[in-house]
Amino acid sequence: MSLNSFNLDQDISNSEVEYRTNYVIDSPTGATARNIFSFVSEASSTSFLVNSQGTITTTPLSSAFRHISHYYFSSSADSSIPIAQDNSNTTNIFRAIQIGRTTTDDTILSGSVTAVMSFDVVSELTFIDIPEDIINKSIGRRGDLVEKNDETNIVGTIFYDTGTLIFHGGDTGTNFLTDSVSGFTFGTGATAEKIAINSLSFKTINKIKRTSFFCRALNKEFNYTNNITSLKDQTLGSITGSLTSNPTTFITSVGLYNDDNELLAIAKVSPPVKKTFENEKTFSVRLQY
């Protein structure tokens, strides 16, 4: 049977469930397992990106720079993006951490990011994210990446929906724009001429939407069936005796339709529900997507 008559004011309930997962990445193998990689990008470089385990990719650094420049910062210049703590000036180099979509789920939870990094001989400086209230329609929500002990030192920008962390600023002690420190890799401790990501922790959100439809079959409804097995004589079109005086049917499925009477979903009833003129039935159909 198809039940598609329900009161929109009374018979629909909506709910949304969030599942949050915490990640802690503190090694190259852990980064690779979660599809996370770090890289340095320069506007004019013809070299290629290197993943977290040191393997060279096929993506040119300059190509990645232009993509970041245009998409995330809406920059018309191929060779520059604004410096994080000083938007009046620009830079042609940045360092990035990209968290893969398989790990990001729907988004990175704002305010959950902590990165511990070592600069050359300076060990274990901690950086956190401070989310902005404004949501950009094209890139979603973003936030500032700052030094935990000095939140005025803005070192970069995080884009939560894509799992992208761009380091394009910092003061003299945490300068992500210096050319003399070339590497940007996952690992422990401080390494000469490299920025080591000692650990990266964050939470992701997986949103599951649910809608429940409460469909009523009143006592006088759905007491007959078009099922061919109900016919006593197919030639004459007569029905079986059990459907003449006090008919009894069994509802086996519920169909949900849109305003154009197009079938959108079918819910199976197990076991089939007995229906007569003496009773009414209410079915709760829950969609999860």
Protein backbone atom coordinates (compact mmCIF):
# COMPACT_ATOMS: atom_id res chain seq x y z
CA MET A 1 0.00 0.00 0.00
CA SER A 2 1.11 3.57 -0.64
CA LEU A 3 0.66 6.11 2.13
CA ASN A 4 1.38 9.59 0.87
CA SER A 5 -1.19 11.68 2.75
CA PHE A 6 0.32 13.27 5.83
CA ASN A 7 0.01 16.56 7.62
CA LEU A 8 3.14 18.64 7.03
CA ASP A 9 2.54 20.50 10.29
CA GLN A 10 2.12 17.39 12.43
CA ASP A 11 3.53 14.35 10.71
CA ILE A 12 7.17 15.21 9.97
CA SER A 13 10.07 15.43 12.38
CA ASN A 14 13.63 16.40 11.54
CA SER A 15 16.82 15.58 13.36
CA GLU A 16 20.53 15.87 12.70
CA VAL A 17 23.19 13.73 14.33
CA GLU A 18 26.86 14.64 14.56
CA TYR A 19 29.67 12.16 15.02
CA ARG A 20 33.00 13.64 16.07
CA THR A 21 36.34 11.90 15.61
CA ASN A 22 39.60 12.94 17.20
CA TYR A 23 42.89 12.49 15.31
CA VAL A 24 46.46 12.84 16.51
CA ILE A 25 49.14 12.68 13.79
CA ASP A 26 52.74 12.53 15.02
CA SER A 27 54.65 10.60 12.36
CA PRO A 28 55.08 10.44 8.57
CA THR A 29 53.43 7.02 8.43
CA GLY A 30 50.48 8.29 10.46
CA ALA A 31 50.09 11.23 8.10
CA THR A 32 50.17 8.97 5.07
CA ALA A 33 47.65 6.57 6.60
CA ARG A 34 45.20 9.44 7.03
CA ASN A 35 45.91 10.96 3.62
CA ILE A 36 47.56 14.07 5.07
CA PHE A 37 50.52 15.73 3.47
CA SER A 38 52.54 18.90 3.91
CA PHE A 39 54.33 20.96 1.33
CA VAL A 40 56.04 24.24 0.52
CA SER A 41 54.78 26.13 -2.51
CA GLU A 42 56.46 28.95 -4.40
CA ALA A 43 55.00 31.11 -7.12
CA SER A 44 57.85 30.71 -9.61
CA SER A 45 59.19 27.27 -8.76
CA THR A 46 59.16 24.44 -11.31
CA SER A 47 59.94 21.82 -8.68
CA PHE A 48 57.31 19.33 -7.54
CA LEU A 49 55.42 18.79 -4.32
CA VAL A 50 56.82 16.26 -1.86
CA ASN A 51 54.47 14.25 0.33
CA SER A 52 54.88 13.58 4.06
CA GLN A 53 57.14 10.57 3.46
CA GLY A 54 59.44 12.44 1.12
CA THR A 55 58.05 11.06 -2.15
CA ILE A 56 57.99 13.50 -5.06
CA THR A 57 54.56 14.03 -6.61
CA THR A 58 53.62 15.18 -10.11
CA THR A 59 52.12 18.52 -9.00
CA PRO A 60 54.35 21.57 -9.68
CA LEU A 61 54.81 23.97 -6.79
CA SER A 62 53.83 26.96 -8.91
CA SER A 63 50.60 25.24 -10.00
CA ALA A 64 49.63 24.63 -6.38
CA PHE A 65 50.48 28.24 -5.55
CA ARG A 66 48.17 29.60 -8.25
CA HIS A 67 45.34 27.34 -7.12
CA ILE A 68 45.65 28.49 -3.51
CA SER A 69 46.01 32.11 -4.57
CA HIS A 70 42.91 32.18 -6.77
CA TYR A 71 40.55 29.86 -4.91
CA TYR A 72 41.20 30.56 -1.24
CA PHE A 73 42.32 34.18 -1.36
CA SER A 74 40.58 35.43 -4.53
CA SER A 75 43.85 36.90 -5.66
CA SER A 76 44.10 38.18 -9.24
CA ALA A 77 47.89 37.91 -9.06
CA ASP A 78 49.50 34.58 -9.88
CA SER A 79 52.61 35.34 -7.88
CA SER A 80 51.36 36.53 -4.49
CA ILE A 81 48.93 36.06 -1.61
CA PRO A 82 48.42 38.36 1.41
CA ILE A 83 50.67 37.86 4.42
CA ALA A 84 48.57 36.50 7.27
CA GLN A 85 49.30 39.11 9.92
CA ASP A 86 49.62 41.99 7.46
CA ASN A 87 47.13 41.97 4.58
CA SER A 88 48.64 45.14 3.15
CA ASN A 89 51.68 43.11 2.02
CA THR A 90 52.00 39.94 -0.01
CA THR A 91 54.24 36.90 -0.27
CA ASN A 92 55.15 34.44 -3.01
CA ILE A 93 55.77 31.49 -0.70
CA PHE A 94 53.66 29.53 1.79
CA ARG A 95 53.63 26.23 3.60
CA ALA A 96 50.53 24.06 3.72
CA ILE A 97 49.01 21.04 5.40
CA GLN A 98 46.27 19.33 3.44
CA ILE A 99 43.99 16.88 5.26
CA GLY A 100 42.46 14.44 2.79
CA ARG A 101 38.72 14.27 2.22
CA THR A 102 38.56 10.68 3.48
CA THR A 103 39.72 11.97 6.88
CA THR A 104 37.99 15.35 6.92
CA ASP A 105 34.45 13.90 6.67
CA ASP A 106 32.09 16.89 6.41
CA THR A 107 34.35 19.45 8.06
CA ILE A 108 37.11 20.09 10.59
CA LEU A 109 35.63 21.08 13.95
CA SER A 110 36.50 24.74 14.49
CA GLY A 111 38.61 25.42 17.55
CA SER A 112 39.93 21.84 17.71
CA VAL A 113 43.22 22.21 15.84
CA THR A 114 46.57 22.09 17.63
CA ALA A 115 49.91 21.85 15.83
CA VAL A 116 53.26 21.48 17.57
CA MET A 117 56.19 22.47 15.35
CA SER A 118 59.95 22.85 15.61
CA PHE A 119 61.85 25.50 13.65
CA ASP A 120 65.44 24.65 12.81
CA VAL A 121 66.85 24.66 16.34
CA VAL A 122 63.73 26.05 18.07
CA SER A 123 61.73 23.16 19.53
CA GLU A 124 58.02 22.55 20.01
CA LEU A 125 56.13 25.77 19.45
CA THR A 126 52.37 25.30 19.67
CA PHE A 127 49.85 26.77 17.24
CA ILE A 128 46.06 26.73 17.46
CA ASP A 129 43.10 27.87 15.38
CA ILE A 130 40.73 30.73 16.19
CA PRO A 131 37.59 30.49 14.01
CA GLU A 132 35.96 33.46 12.33
CA ASP A 133 32.21 34.02 12.62
CA ILE A 134 31.81 34.88 8.93
CA ILE A 135 31.10 32.08 6.46
CA ASN A 136 32.24 32.63 2.88
CA LYS A 137 29.72 31.19 0.42
CA SER A 138 32.39 29.67 -1.83
CA ILE A 139 34.97 28.35 0.65
CA GLY A 140 32.90 27.97 3.83
CA ARG A 141 34.13 28.83 7.28
CA ARG A 142 37.71 29.76 7.96
CA GLY A 143 39.87 30.78 10.91
CA ASP A 144 43.25 32.19 11.90
CA LEU A 145 46.22 30.01 12.81
CA VAL A 146 48.02 31.67 15.70
CA GLU A 147 50.81 30.98 18.16
CA LYS A 148 49.22 29.67 21.35
CA ASN A 149 51.36 31.81 23.66
CA ASP A 150 50.96 34.91 21.51
CA GLU A 151 47.62 35.01 19.69
CA THR A 152 48.55 38.32 18.07
CA ASN A 153 51.11 36.36 16.03
CA ILE A 154 48.93 35.18 13.13
CA VAL A 155 50.86 32.61 11.11
CA GLY A 156 48.22 31.44 8.67
CA THR A 157 44.66 30.57 7.73
CA ILE A 158 42.63 27.38 8.10
CA PHE A 159 39.75 26.45 5.79
CA TYR A 160 37.65 24.00 7.79
CA ASP A 161 35.41 22.54 5.09
CA THR A 162 38.31 21.48 2.86
CA GLY A 163 40.76 20.59 5.63
CA THR A 164 43.37 23.05 4.34
CA LEU A 165 45.87 24.84 6.56
CA ILE A 166 47.89 27.59 4.85
CA PHE A 167 50.88 29.04 6.74
CA HIS A 168 51.62 32.43 5.15
CA GLY A 169 52.88 34.68 7.90
CA GLY A 170 54.36 34.92 11.38
CA ASP A 171 56.82 37.09 13.26
CA THR A 172 60.61 36.77 13.17
CA GLY A 173 60.63 33.82 15.57
CA THR A 174 57.98 31.83 13.70
CA ASN A 175 58.41 33.01 10.15
CA PHE A 176 56.84 30.53 7.73
CA LEU A 177 57.86 32.72 4.78
CA THR A 178 61.63 32.30 5.06
CA ASP A 179 63.43 30.67 2.14
CA SER A 180 66.37 29.54 4.26
CA VAL A 181 64.23 26.90 5.99
CA SER A 182 63.17 24.84 3.01
CA GLY A 183 61.59 21.68 4.36
CA PHE A 184 58.14 21.27 5.91
CA THR A 185 57.66 17.70 7.06
CA PHE A 186 56.11 15.44 9.68
CA GLY A 187 58.48 14.12 12.31
CA THR A 188 59.78 14.47 15.86
CA GLY A 189 62.22 17.01 17.26
CA ALA A 190 63.94 19.91 15.56
CA THR A 191 65.85 19.41 12.31
CA ALA A 192 68.36 21.84 10.83
CA GLU A 193 66.96 23.93 7.97
CA LYS A 194 63.51 22.37 8.29
CA ILE A 195 60.16 23.04 9.93
CA ALA A 196 59.10 19.80 11.56
CA ILE A 197 55.45 19.12 12.33
CA ASN A 198 55.94 17.24 15.59
CA SER A 199 52.24 16.56 16.02
CA LEU A 200 48.93 17.65 14.56
CA SER A 201 45.64 17.07 16.38
CA PHE A 202 42.13 17.96 15.28
CA LYS A 203 38.54 16.74 15.34
CA THR A 204 36.30 16.09 12.36
CA ILE A 205 32.51 16.19 12.12
CA ASN A 206 30.40 13.67 10.25
CA LYS A 207 26.83 14.94 9.97
CA ILE A 208 23.99 12.48 9.43
CA LYS A 209 20.57 13.95 8.66
CA ARG A 210 17.40 12.10 9.53
CA THR A 211 13.76 12.84 8.75
CA SER A 212 10.82 10.90 10.17
CA PHE A 213 7.45 10.82 8.40
CA PHE A 214 4.43 9.70 10.41
CA CYS A 215 1.87 8.32 7.95
CA ARG A 216 -1.68 7.45 9.07
CA ALA A 217 -4.00 4.89 7.53
CA LEU A 218 -7.46 5.70 8.86
CA ASN A 219 -9.99 2.96 9.58
CA LYS A 220 -11.78 3.43 6.25
CA GLU A 221 -8.60 3.60 4.18
CA PHE A 222 -6.44 0.92 2.58
CA ASN A 223 -8.82 -1.95 3.29
CA TYR A 224 -8.73 -3.19 -0.32
CA THR A 225 -5.92 -4.17 -2.59
CA ASN A 226 -5.11 -4.32 -6.30
CA ASN A 227 -2.93 -7.36 -5.80
CA ILE A 228 -3.83 -9.95 -8.41
CA THR A 229 -4.00 -12.66 -5.75
CA SER A 230 -7.17 -11.03 -4.37
CA LEU A 231 -9.15 -11.97 -7.48
CA LYS A 232 -11.40 -14.99 -7.32
CA ASP A 233 -12.09 -14.94 -11.07
CA GLN A 234 -9.73 -12.86 -13.21
CA THR A 235 -12.08 -13.03 -16.19
CA LEU A 236 -15.08 -11.76 -14.29
CA GLY A 237 -13.01 -9.52 -12.04
CA SER A 238 -14.67 -10.83 -8.89
CA ILE A 239 -12.76 -10.78 -5.63
CA THR A 240 -12.34 -13.42 -2.99
CA GLY A 241 -14.96 -13.84 -0.31
CA SER A 242 -12.71 -12.57 2.45
CA LEU A 243 -12.74 -9.11 0.83
CA THR A 244 -16.52 -8.75 0.37
CA SER A 245 -18.29 -8.46 3.70
CA ASN A 246 -15.54 -7.62 6.18
CA PRO A 247 -12.36 -7.19 4.13
CA THR A 248 -8.95 -7.76 5.68
CA THR A 249 -5.73 -6.64 4.05
CA PHE A 250 -2.09 -6.60 5.04
CA ILE A 251 0.05 -3.52 4.47
CA THR A 252 3.53 -4.53 3.31
CA SER A 253 5.13 -1.23 2.29
CA VAL A 254 4.84 2.55 2.59
CA GLY A 255 5.61 4.85 -0.32
CA LEU A 256 6.72 8.47 0.00
CA TYR A 257 5.87 10.83 -2.86
CA ASN A 258 6.72 14.40 -3.75
CA ASP A 259 4.30 17.15 -4.77
CA ASP A 260 4.34 15.86 -8.38
CA ASN A 261 3.20 12.43 -7.19
CA GLU A 262 6.58 10.91 -8.01
CA LEU A 263 7.66 8.00 -5.83
CA LEU A 264 10.79 8.95 -3.90
CA ALA A 265 11.22 6.11 -1.41
CA ILE A 266 9.66 2.84 -0.32
CA ALA A 267 9.78 1.48 3.21
CA LYS A 268 9.09 -2.21 3.75
CA VAL A 269 6.97 -3.29 6.71
CA SER A 270 8.15 -6.40 8.53
CA PRO A 271 6.05 -8.31 9.29
CA PRO A 272 3.06 -7.17 7.19
CA VAL A 273 0.52 -5.19 9.23
CA LYS A 274 -3.11 -6.33 9.34
CA LYS A 275 -5.63 -3.63 8.34
CA THR A 276 -9.43 -3.66 8.72
CA PHE A 277 -12.31 -1.18 8.95
CA GLU A 278 -12.15 -1.53 12.71
CA ASN A 279 -8.72 0.01 13.21
CA GLU A 280 -6.28 2.58 11.94
CA LYS A 281 -2.53 2.35 11.69
CA THR A 282 0.28 4.91 11.97
CA PHE A 283 3.64 4.22 10.35
CA SER A 284 6.86 6.03 11.13
CA VAL A 285 9.20 6.11 8.14
CA ARG A 286 12.71 7.40 8.84
CA LEU A 287 15.04 8.53 6.10
CA GLN A 288 18.76 8.84 6.85
CA TYR A 289 21.06 10.61 4.43
